Amino acid sequence: MCAAILSIVSAVAGARPGDPVKGVNAMASSVIDAFVDAHKHGDAQLFNLILSQGAMLKMNRGDEVITHTKNELISFYKKSGNIDLNCSSDYEVLSASNCVVVARVDFKFPEFVQQHFVTVEKDKKGVWRITQLNRFTG
């Protein structure tokens, strides 16, 4: 966990303003690490950096799929403020190519596990961002 935070901090610190290719968006792995950090701490600013403009979060609620846009997620985290979730986390890359990575990120709470299937894509400028999040709680 400390290594993940250090890599995010160093990536962000080394970035020039307005140059996401040199920052947290330079590699798919740093975007996934940033997602873990943003989710565990409710960091709206970090979510804004790593989510593509058209990013969607989909989760099931009973027999229904609930969808949230990037703007809805950012708004929610801004209203919630910084938090510290009582969970551990890890992730596994399920599939990867030169421009798309799909990973499963597990957030392990004392009573349940929340899984996110995260799709990270690289655009034509070389910027990696999350385009799709699918959340399952079990």
Protein backbone atom coordinates (compact mmCIF):
# COMPACT_ATOMS: atom_id res chain seq x y z
CA MET A 1 0.00 0.00 0.00
CA CYS A 2 2.79 2.42 0.92
CA ALA A 3 4.53 1.66 -2.37
CA ALA A 4 1.34 2.41 -4.29
CA ILE A 5 0.88 5.75 -2.53
CA LEU A 6 4.53 6.66 -3.08
CA SER A 7 4.29 5.86 -6.78
CA ILE A 8 1.17 8.04 -7.09
CA VAL A 9 2.76 10.91 -5.18
CA SER A 10 5.97 10.75 -7.19
CA ALA A 11 4.07 10.53 -10.47
CA VAL A 12 1.91 13.52 -9.58
CA ALA A 13 4.87 15.50 -8.21
CA GLY A 14 6.88 14.87 -11.37
CA ALA A 15 4.11 16.01 -13.65
CA ARG A 16 4.07 19.38 -15.29
CA PRO A 17 0.74 21.18 -14.94
CA GLY A 18 -1.55 20.18 -17.79
CA ASP A 19 0.65 17.23 -18.80
CA PRO A 20 -1.16 14.07 -17.65
CA VAL A 21 1.13 11.84 -19.74
CA LYS A 22 3.94 12.60 -17.27
CA GLY A 23 1.74 12.18 -14.20
CA VAL A 24 -0.64 9.64 -12.75
CA ASN A 25 -2.09 8.96 -16.23
CA ALA A 26 1.27 7.86 -17.69
CA MET A 27 0.69 4.13 -17.08
CA ALA A 28 -2.33 1.90 -16.61
CA SER A 29 -0.89 0.55 -13.35
CA SER A 30 -0.56 4.04 -11.86
CA VAL A 31 -4.18 4.77 -12.82
CA ILE A 32 -5.31 1.57 -11.06
CA ASP A 33 -3.22 2.46 -7.98
CA ALA A 34 -4.77 5.94 -8.03
CA PHE A 35 -8.27 4.41 -8.28
CA VAL A 36 -7.60 2.34 -5.16
CA ASP A 37 -6.37 5.40 -3.30
CA ALA A 38 -9.21 7.64 -4.51
CA HIS A 39 -11.86 5.06 -3.58
CA LYS A 40 -10.43 4.34 -0.12
CA HIS A 41 -10.12 8.05 0.72
CA GLY A 42 -13.00 9.63 -1.23
CA ASP A 43 -10.62 11.81 -3.24
CA ALA A 44 -12.77 13.67 -5.79
CA GLN A 45 -9.78 15.49 -7.30
CA LEU A 46 -7.93 12.23 -7.96
CA PHE A 47 -11.08 10.66 -9.44
CA ASN A 48 -11.34 13.64 -11.78
CA LEU A 49 -7.80 12.95 -13.07
CA ILE A 50 -8.21 9.24 -13.68
CA LEU A 51 -11.76 8.96 -15.04
CA SER A 52 -12.36 9.61 -18.74
CA GLN A 53 -15.06 12.14 -19.58
CA GLY A 54 -17.45 9.36 -20.62
CA ALA A 55 -16.59 7.02 -17.72
CA MET A 56 -19.46 5.09 -16.20
CA LEU A 57 -19.88 3.17 -12.94
CA LYS A 58 -22.37 0.31 -13.17
CA MET A 59 -23.54 -1.67 -10.18
CA ASN A 60 -26.40 -4.02 -9.50
CA ARG A 61 -29.05 -3.31 -6.95
CA GLY A 62 -31.37 -6.29 -6.80
CA ASP A 63 -32.57 -7.01 -10.32
CA GLU A 64 -31.61 -3.55 -11.58
CA VAL A 65 -28.37 -2.07 -12.94
CA ILE A 66 -27.64 1.41 -11.57
CA THR A 67 -25.43 3.66 -13.70
CA HIS A 68 -23.49 6.73 -12.57
CA THR A 69 -21.58 9.15 -14.80
CA LYS A 70 -18.20 10.70 -14.07
CA ASN A 71 -19.84 13.99 -13.10
CA GLU A 72 -22.22 12.23 -10.68
CA LEU A 73 -19.30 10.37 -9.06
CA ILE A 74 -17.18 13.52 -8.71
CA SER A 75 -20.13 15.40 -7.23
CA PHE A 76 -20.79 12.59 -4.73
CA TYR A 77 -17.16 12.50 -3.55
CA LYS A 78 -16.99 16.29 -3.29
CA LYS A 79 -20.09 16.29 -1.05
CA SER A 80 -18.81 13.36 1.02
CA GLY A 81 -15.41 14.89 1.66
CA ASN A 82 -12.29 12.93 2.45
CA ILE A 83 -12.92 9.60 4.15
CA ASP A 84 -10.90 6.58 5.25
CA LEU A 85 -12.64 3.30 4.47
CA ASN A 86 -11.99 0.42 6.85
CA CYS A 87 -10.74 -2.02 4.24
CA SER A 88 -7.70 -3.55 2.65
CA SER A 89 -7.31 -3.79 -1.10
CA ASP A 90 -5.52 -5.60 -3.86
CA TYR A 91 -5.87 -6.00 -7.58
CA GLU A 92 -5.16 -8.40 -10.39
CA VAL A 93 -4.74 -7.55 -14.07
CA LEU A 94 -7.09 -9.86 -15.95
CA SER A 95 -6.17 -8.83 -19.49
CA ALA A 96 -3.83 -6.28 -21.04
CA SER A 97 -2.82 -4.94 -24.43
CA ASN A 98 -0.94 -1.85 -25.57
CA CYS A 99 -4.03 0.32 -25.19
CA VAL A 100 -6.51 -1.46 -22.88
CA VAL A 101 -6.14 -3.05 -19.44
CA VAL A 102 -8.88 -4.81 -17.50
CA ALA A 103 -8.28 -5.41 -13.79
CA ARG A 104 -10.25 -6.72 -10.83
CA VAL A 105 -9.84 -4.57 -7.73
CA ASP A 106 -10.98 -6.05 -4.42
CA PHE A 107 -11.82 -3.92 -1.40
CA LYS A 108 -11.98 -6.26 1.59
CA PHE A 109 -14.15 -4.95 4.40
CA PRO A 110 -14.61 -6.83 7.70
CA GLU A 111 -18.04 -8.16 6.66
CA PHE A 112 -17.91 -8.26 2.84
CA VAL A 113 -15.80 -7.86 -0.28
CA GLN A 114 -16.51 -5.23 -2.91
CA GLN A 115 -15.14 -6.06 -6.37
CA HIS A 116 -14.60 -3.55 -9.13
CA PHE A 117 -13.83 -4.59 -12.68
CA VAL A 118 -11.90 -1.63 -14.03
CA THR A 119 -11.28 -0.90 -17.72
CA VAL A 120 -8.39 1.49 -18.37
CA GLU A 121 -7.76 2.76 -21.91
CA LYS A 122 -4.96 4.77 -23.49
CA ASP A 123 -6.04 7.56 -25.83
CA LYS A 124 -4.22 8.83 -28.95
CA LYS A 125 -2.14 11.22 -26.82
CA GLY A 126 -0.88 8.36 -24.62
CA VAL A 127 -3.07 9.28 -21.63
CA TRP A 128 -4.46 6.36 -19.60
CA ARG A 129 -7.89 6.82 -18.00
CA ILE A 130 -10.64 4.65 -16.60
CA THR A 131 -13.52 4.27 -19.07
CA GLN A 132 -15.65 1.69 -17.27
CA LEU A 133 -16.20 0.54 -13.67
CA ASN A 134 -18.40 -2.41 -12.76
CA ARG A 135 -19.00 -2.90 -9.02
CA PHE A 136 -20.14 -6.11 -7.34
CA THR A 137 -20.67 -6.54 -3.62
CA GLY A 138 -20.80 -9.97 -2.07
